[in-house]
Amino acid sequence: MVEAVLGIDVGKDKLHVALLFPGKKPKAKAIANTPEGHQTLVQWLQQQDANQVHACLEATSTYGEAVAEALYEAGHRVSIVNPARIGGFAKSELSRTKTDKVDAALIARFCAAICPSLWTPPPTEVKQLQALVRRLEALKQMHQQESNRLETATAQVIALIEEHLKYLKQDIQRTEQLIKDHFEQHPALKQQRDLLTSIPGIAQTTASLLLAEIVSWKAFESAKQLAAYIGLTPQERTSGSSVRGRTQLSRTGSGRLRTALYMPAVVAKRHNPTIRAFCERLAGRGKTTMQIVGAAMRKLAHIVYGVLKSNRPFDPNLTS
């Protein structure tokens, strides 16, 4: 068996792949992003004498999850990486051409050169929670968008919007109940949720999203790794001979998790004794409001990791 890598450029309807054997030119193929297309890909790899490949794709929305699972179940190794890493690799190669076929080959070369860490599918109960949480998020976004339209709508359209808002509110309530029922059916997940809600600033909605998107805290060797995964590690920017550089969040991790932690961090600044004291120290050192909020988000991620790893509720005496 010859080792090979497979770069996958993911689209909503189509996948462009590049199969790269050592010392050879990549073999390209385009397939439908459907269950049938995924099986076609698995069969094509067998025909190419690639019985086990290291497949790599970008973490773009949810369009790549199904093919990743299909390849994993077929015995292949799979990595799902942040698009920013692929972008940085492209810059290192001075790549200028950007097409689906070129991107697939780029991802294959990235995989061969970097050997990114391997991905494993989430447990079934976490996958189901993830689907419910993302559905709830989408419904709330639709509700907010419709509410905004009321401001400029005509009287006739207002009636239609209000009817839709009523339906969306009912759907939101049904989905929230399904999430509650899901936790009742899975005691281990419920215990983790209760640990997270013991942290001042984190309510059940945020706890549910954290468990759905982090998938497993055991995948991270430290709280710093979790913070980096979320994109909360500080990144300094300096230019030329400038004496004063800017420090900001790297933002190269999960945007969904960063969004989820923003308001909890704002609340924790006031009501979480550990984070309140931490933020007061930063304010005394002249940090800006946004720098303090970002640091509070990072501190909150560390506390999340701590309570999950220790399997004990939040204790300010242990995290100060």
Protein backbone atom coordinates (compact mmCIF):
# COMPACT_ATOMS: atom_id res chain seq x y z
CA MET A 1 0.00 0.00 0.00
CA VAL A 2 1.40 3.38 -1.08
CA GLU A 3 0.83 6.30 1.30
CA ALA A 4 -1.07 9.17 -0.27
CA VAL A 5 -2.84 12.36 0.75
CA LEU A 6 -6.18 13.62 -0.45
CA GLY A 7 -6.98 17.31 -0.62
CA ILE A 8 -10.69 18.13 -0.64
CA ASP A 9 -12.10 21.52 -1.64
CA VAL A 10 -15.62 21.52 -0.22
CA GLY A 11 -18.59 23.16 -1.89
CA LYS A 12 -22.26 22.97 -1.06
CA ASP A 13 -23.08 20.80 -4.08
CA LYS A 14 -19.71 19.54 -5.30
CA LEU A 15 -16.38 18.29 -3.97
CA HIS A 16 -13.13 18.81 -5.87
CA VAL A 17 -10.44 16.37 -4.74
CA ALA A 18 -6.74 15.97 -5.48
CA LEU A 19 -5.05 12.64 -4.78
CA LEU A 20 -1.32 13.09 -4.26
CA PHE A 21 1.18 10.23 -4.19
CA PRO A 22 4.79 10.99 -3.16
CA GLY A 23 6.82 12.27 -6.10
CA LYS A 24 3.87 12.31 -8.50
CA LYS A 25 1.46 14.87 -9.90
CA PRO A 26 -1.93 15.04 -8.21
CA LYS A 27 -4.90 13.24 -9.72
CA ALA A 28 -8.00 15.42 -9.80
CA LYS A 29 -11.65 14.48 -9.63
CA ALA A 30 -14.96 16.28 -9.04
CA ILE A 31 -17.86 14.50 -7.39
CA ALA A 32 -21.28 15.42 -6.05
CA ASN A 33 -21.41 16.34 -2.38
CA THR A 34 -24.04 13.70 -1.67
CA PRO A 35 -24.02 10.30 0.04
CA GLU A 36 -23.80 8.66 -3.39
CA GLY A 37 -20.94 10.95 -4.36
CA HIS A 38 -19.07 10.10 -1.16
CA GLN A 39 -19.31 6.40 -1.93
CA THR A 40 -18.11 7.12 -5.46
CA LEU A 41 -15.07 8.82 -3.94
CA VAL A 42 -14.32 5.84 -1.70
CA GLN A 43 -14.54 3.49 -4.69
CA TRP A 44 -12.36 5.78 -6.82
CA LEU A 45 -9.65 5.76 -4.13
CA GLN A 46 -9.66 1.95 -4.18
CA GLN A 47 -9.30 2.00 -7.96
CA GLN A 48 -6.28 4.28 -7.59
CA ASP A 49 -4.62 1.80 -5.20
CA ALA A 50 -5.10 4.28 -2.35
CA ASN A 51 -6.51 1.95 0.25
CA GLN A 52 -5.73 4.36 3.06
CA VAL A 53 -5.13 8.06 2.54
CA HIS A 54 -4.70 11.04 4.81
CA ALA A 55 -7.60 13.21 3.69
CA CYS A 56 -7.64 16.91 4.52
CA LEU A 57 -10.37 19.50 4.17
CA GLU A 58 -11.15 22.94 5.53
CA ALA A 59 -13.58 23.50 8.38
CA THR A 60 -16.16 25.30 6.23
CA SER A 61 -19.64 25.35 7.75
CA THR A 62 -21.20 21.86 7.75
CA TYR A 63 -20.78 20.95 4.08
CA GLY A 64 -17.69 18.81 4.65
CA GLU A 65 -18.82 16.79 7.66
CA ALA A 66 -20.60 14.04 5.73
CA VAL A 67 -17.69 13.27 3.39
CA ALA A 68 -15.31 13.35 6.37
CA GLU A 69 -17.43 10.71 8.13
CA ALA A 70 -17.70 8.60 4.97
CA LEU A 71 -13.91 8.56 4.55
CA TYR A 72 -13.35 7.86 8.26
CA GLU A 73 -15.78 4.93 8.18
CA ALA A 74 -13.98 3.59 5.09
CA GLY A 75 -10.75 3.39 7.09
CA HIS A 76 -9.05 6.56 5.91
CA ARG A 77 -7.39 9.14 8.13
CA VAL A 78 -9.06 12.55 8.12
CA SER A 79 -8.01 16.06 9.19
CA ILE A 80 -10.34 19.06 9.31
CA VAL A 81 -8.28 22.26 9.56
CA ASN A 82 -8.91 25.95 9.98
CA PRO A 83 -9.05 27.73 6.58
CA ALA A 84 -6.58 30.33 7.90
CA ARG A 85 -3.89 27.65 8.04
CA ILE A 86 -4.47 26.77 4.39
CA GLY A 87 -4.41 30.47 3.51
CA GLY A 88 -1.09 30.92 5.27
CA PHE A 89 0.35 27.91 3.45
CA ALA A 90 -0.84 29.33 0.13
CA LYS A 91 0.97 32.59 0.86
CA SER A 92 4.15 30.67 1.64
CA GLU A 93 3.93 29.13 -1.83
CA LEU A 94 3.16 32.53 -3.40
CA SER A 95 -0.01 31.02 -4.85
CA ARG A 96 -2.04 33.41 -6.97
CA THR A 97 -4.39 31.21 -8.97
CA LYS A 98 -7.54 30.23 -7.13
CA THR A 99 -9.92 27.64 -8.57
CA ASP A 100 -11.60 24.66 -6.99
CA LYS A 101 -9.16 22.29 -8.67
CA VAL A 102 -6.14 24.38 -7.64
CA ASP A 103 -7.43 24.68 -4.07
CA ALA A 104 -7.83 20.89 -3.76
CA ALA A 105 -4.22 20.38 -4.86
CA LEU A 106 -3.08 23.10 -2.44
CA ILE A 107 -4.84 21.36 0.45
CA ALA A 108 -3.20 18.07 -0.55
CA ARG A 109 0.26 19.67 -0.50
CA PHE A 110 -0.53 21.28 2.87
CA CYS A 111 -1.51 17.88 4.25
CA ALA A 112 1.65 16.24 2.94
CA ALA A 113 3.90 18.98 4.33
CA ILE A 114 2.25 19.70 7.69
CA CYS A 115 0.63 16.37 8.63
CA PRO A 116 -2.20 18.05 10.59
CA SER A 117 -3.73 16.32 13.60
CA LEU A 118 -6.36 13.69 12.94
CA TRP A 119 -10.09 14.21 13.31
CA THR A 120 -12.55 11.71 14.72
CA PRO A 121 -16.34 11.95 14.39
CA PRO A 122 -18.19 13.16 17.47
CA PRO A 123 -20.18 10.60 19.49
CA THR A 124 -23.76 10.17 18.29
CA GLU A 125 -25.27 12.01 21.26
CA VAL A 126 -22.95 14.99 20.72
CA LYS A 127 -23.67 15.03 17.00
CA GLN A 128 -27.41 15.09 17.75
CA LEU A 129 -26.90 17.90 20.27
CA GLN A 130 -24.85 19.82 17.73
CA ALA A 131 -27.65 19.56 15.16
CA LEU A 132 -30.25 20.77 17.65
CA VAL A 133 -28.10 23.66 18.90
CA ARG A 134 -27.28 24.82 15.38
CA ARG A 135 -30.96 24.60 14.44
CA LEU A 136 -31.88 26.73 17.44
CA GLU A 137 -29.21 29.25 16.48
CA ALA A 138 -30.58 29.46 12.92
CA LEU A 139 -34.16 29.91 14.15
CA LYS A 140 -33.15 32.74 16.47
CA GLN A 141 -31.29 34.46 13.64
CA MET A 142 -34.37 34.18 11.40
CA HIS A 143 -36.56 35.57 14.20
CA GLN A 144 -34.23 38.55 14.63
CA GLN A 145 -34.15 39.20 10.88
CA GLU A 146 -37.94 39.15 10.64
CA SER A 147 -38.21 41.43 13.69
CA ASN A 148 -35.90 43.92 11.98
CA ARG A 149 -38.10 43.90 8.86
CA LEU A 150 -41.07 45.08 10.89
CA GLU A 151 -39.49 48.53 11.14
CA THR A 152 -39.88 49.28 7.43
CA ALA A 153 -42.68 46.95 6.34
CA THR A 154 -46.08 48.09 5.04
CA ALA A 155 -49.23 47.27 7.00
CA GLN A 156 -50.05 44.36 4.69
CA VAL A 157 -46.58 42.86 4.99
CA ILE A 158 -46.49 43.42 8.76
CA ALA A 159 -49.34 40.94 9.18
CA LEU A 160 -47.38 38.32 7.24
CA ILE A 161 -44.21 38.95 9.25
CA GLU A 162 -46.05 38.75 12.56
CA GLU A 163 -47.58 35.43 11.51
CA HIS A 164 -44.12 34.13 10.62
CA LEU A 165 -42.68 35.42 13.90
CA LYS A 166 -45.37 33.54 15.80
CA TYR A 167 -44.44 30.33 13.97
CA LEU A 168 -40.72 30.89 14.57
CA LYS A 169 -41.31 31.49 18.28
CA GLN A 170 -43.19 28.20 18.54
CA ASP A 171 -40.42 26.41 16.62
CA ILE A 172 -37.79 27.94 18.92
CA GLN A 173 -39.69 26.72 21.97
CA ARG A 174 -40.02 23.22 20.49
CA THR A 175 -36.31 23.07 19.71
CA GLU A 176 -35.38 24.31 23.19
CA GLN A 177 -37.54 21.55 24.67
CA LEU A 178 -35.87 18.97 22.42
CA ILE A 179 -32.48 20.12 23.72
CA LYS A 180 -33.67 19.80 27.33
CA ASP A 181 -35.06 16.32 26.59
CA HIS A 182 -31.77 15.34 24.95
CA PHE A 183 -29.84 16.16 28.11
CA GLU A 184 -32.33 14.17 30.20
CA GLN A 185 -31.75 11.18 27.93
CA HIS A 186 -27.94 11.42 28.23
CA PRO A 187 -26.88 11.76 31.90
CA ALA A 188 -23.17 12.24 31.10
CA LEU A 189 -23.93 15.23 28.90
CA LYS A 190 -26.33 16.59 31.51
CA GLN A 191 -23.65 16.36 34.17
CA GLN A 192 -21.23 18.31 31.98
CA ARG A 193 -23.90 20.93 31.30
CA ASP A 194 -24.52 21.32 35.02
CA LEU A 195 -20.80 21.73 35.63
CA LEU A 196 -20.66 24.52 33.06
CA THR A 197 -23.72 26.32 34.40
CA SER A 198 -22.06 26.41 37.83
CA ILE A 199 -19.73 29.03 36.30
CA PRO A 200 -21.19 32.53 36.85
CA GLY A 201 -21.80 33.97 33.39
CA ILE A 202 -22.65 30.70 31.63
CA ALA A 203 -26.32 29.79 31.30
CA GLN A 204 -27.85 26.65 29.82
CA THR A 205 -27.96 27.94 26.23
CA THR A 206 -24.25 28.73 26.23
CA ALA A 207 -23.42 25.49 28.03
CA SER A 208 -25.30 23.51 25.38
CA LEU A 209 -23.46 25.27 22.57
CA LEU A 210 -20.08 24.77 24.23
CA LEU A 211 -20.64 21.04 24.63
CA ALA A 212 -21.91 20.75 21.05
CA GLU A 213 -19.03 22.63 19.43
CA ILE A 214 -16.10 21.65 21.66
CA VAL A 215 -17.28 18.03 21.21
CA SER A 216 -14.82 16.68 23.81
CA TRP A 217 -12.53 18.54 26.19
CA LYS A 218 -10.35 15.40 26.25
CA ALA A 219 -9.16 16.27 22.74
CA PHE A 220 -7.16 19.13 24.29
CA GLU A 221 -4.11 18.59 26.44
CA SER A 222 -4.47 21.92 28.24
CA ALA A 223 -6.73 24.91 28.72
CA LYS A 224 -4.37 26.87 26.46
CA GLN A 225 -5.04 24.43 23.63
CA LEU A 226 -8.78 24.90 24.05
CA ALA A 227 -8.39 28.69 24.04
CA ALA A 228 -6.31 28.44 20.86
CA TYR A 229 -8.96 26.21 19.25
CA ILE A 230 -11.56 28.88 19.94
CA GLY A 231 -9.24 31.62 18.63
CA LEU A 232 -8.75 33.42 21.95
CA THR A 233 -4.97 33.41 22.12
CA PRO A 234 -3.36 36.87 21.95
CA GLN A 235 -1.56 37.84 18.77
CA GLU A 236 0.85 40.75 18.65
CA ARG A 237 1.10 42.91 15.51
CA THR A 238 4.08 45.18 14.94
CA SER A 239 5.16 47.01 11.83
CA GLY A 240 8.67 48.07 10.85
CA SER A 241 10.33 50.17 13.49
CA SER A 242 7.06 50.91 15.30
CA VAL A 243 7.69 50.95 19.03
CA ARG A 244 4.13 50.14 19.88
CA GLY A 245 2.53 47.01 18.51
CA ARG A 246 -1.10 45.97 18.75
CA THR A 247 -2.14 42.86 20.65
CA GLN A 248 -5.44 41.28 19.69
CA LEU A 249 -7.18 37.92 19.54
CA SER A 250 -5.84 35.59 16.86
CA ARG A 251 -9.39 34.79 15.61
CA THR A 252 -8.10 31.69 13.83
CA GLY A 253 -10.34 29.24 15.68
CA SER A 254 -14.05 28.55 16.00
CA GLY A 255 -16.04 31.70 15.32
CA ARG A 256 -19.20 30.07 16.66
CA LEU A 257 -17.53 29.45 20.03
CA ARG A 258 -16.09 32.98 20.18
CA THR A 259 -19.52 34.43 19.54
CA ALA A 260 -21.01 32.19 22.20
CA LEU A 261 -18.49 33.33 24.84
CA TYR A 262 -18.75 37.08 24.20
CA MET A 263 -21.88 37.92 26.21
CA PRO A 264 -21.06 35.40 28.98
CA ALA A 265 -17.69 37.16 29.36
CA VAL A 266 -19.42 40.53 29.61
CA VAL A 267 -21.71 39.14 32.31
CA ALA A 268 -18.84 37.39 34.08
CA LYS A 269 -16.94 40.70 34.31
CA ARG A 270 -19.58 41.78 36.82
CA HIS A 271 -20.84 38.60 38.43
CA ASN A 272 -17.99 36.06 38.34
CA PRO A 273 -15.63 36.88 41.24
CA THR A 274 -12.58 35.35 39.57
CA ILE A 275 -13.08 37.10 36.25
CA ARG A 276 -14.17 40.38 37.88
CA ALA A 277 -10.92 40.56 39.86
CA PHE A 278 -8.94 39.59 36.75
CA CYS A 279 -10.59 42.33 34.67
CA GLU A 280 -10.04 44.92 37.39
CA ARG A 281 -6.31 44.15 37.33
CA LEU A 282 -6.24 44.56 33.55
CA ALA A 283 -8.13 47.86 33.77
CA GLY A 284 -5.58 49.08 36.31
CA ARG A 285 -2.84 48.35 33.76
CA GLY A 286 -4.57 50.55 31.19
CA LYS A 287 -6.04 47.86 28.94
CA THR A 288 -8.90 48.90 26.65
CA THR A 289 -12.46 47.67 27.11
CA MET A 290 -12.26 45.27 24.17
CA GLN A 291 -8.89 43.93 25.31
CA ILE A 292 -10.40 43.24 28.71
CA VAL A 293 -13.44 41.49 27.23
CA GLY A 294 -11.18 39.36 25.03
CA ALA A 295 -9.06 38.42 28.04
CA ALA A 296 -12.23 37.61 29.99
CA MET A 297 -13.35 35.30 27.18
CA ARG A 298 -9.99 33.54 27.30
CA LYS A 299 -10.15 33.24 31.11
CA LEU A 300 -13.67 31.84 30.82
CA ALA A 301 -12.43 29.20 28.34
CA HIS A 302 -9.74 28.21 30.85
CA ILE A 303 -12.36 27.86 33.60
CA VAL A 304 -14.59 25.79 31.29
CA TYR A 305 -11.71 23.41 30.66
CA GLY A 306 -10.93 23.27 34.38
CA VAL A 307 -14.39 22.31 35.58
CA LEU A 308 -14.79 19.68 32.84
CA LYS A 309 -11.39 18.13 33.50
CA SER A 310 -11.76 18.13 37.29
CA ASN A 311 -15.41 17.03 37.08
CA ARG A 312 -16.13 19.53 39.86
CA PRO A 313 -18.35 22.65 39.89
CA PHE A 314 -16.82 26.10 39.69
CA ASP A 315 -14.95 27.15 42.83
CA PRO A 316 -13.53 30.70 42.85
CA ASN A 317 -11.01 29.68 45.49
CA LEU A 318 -9.42 27.24 43.03
CA THR A 319 -9.37 29.52 39.96
CA SER A 320 -8.30 32.87 41.31
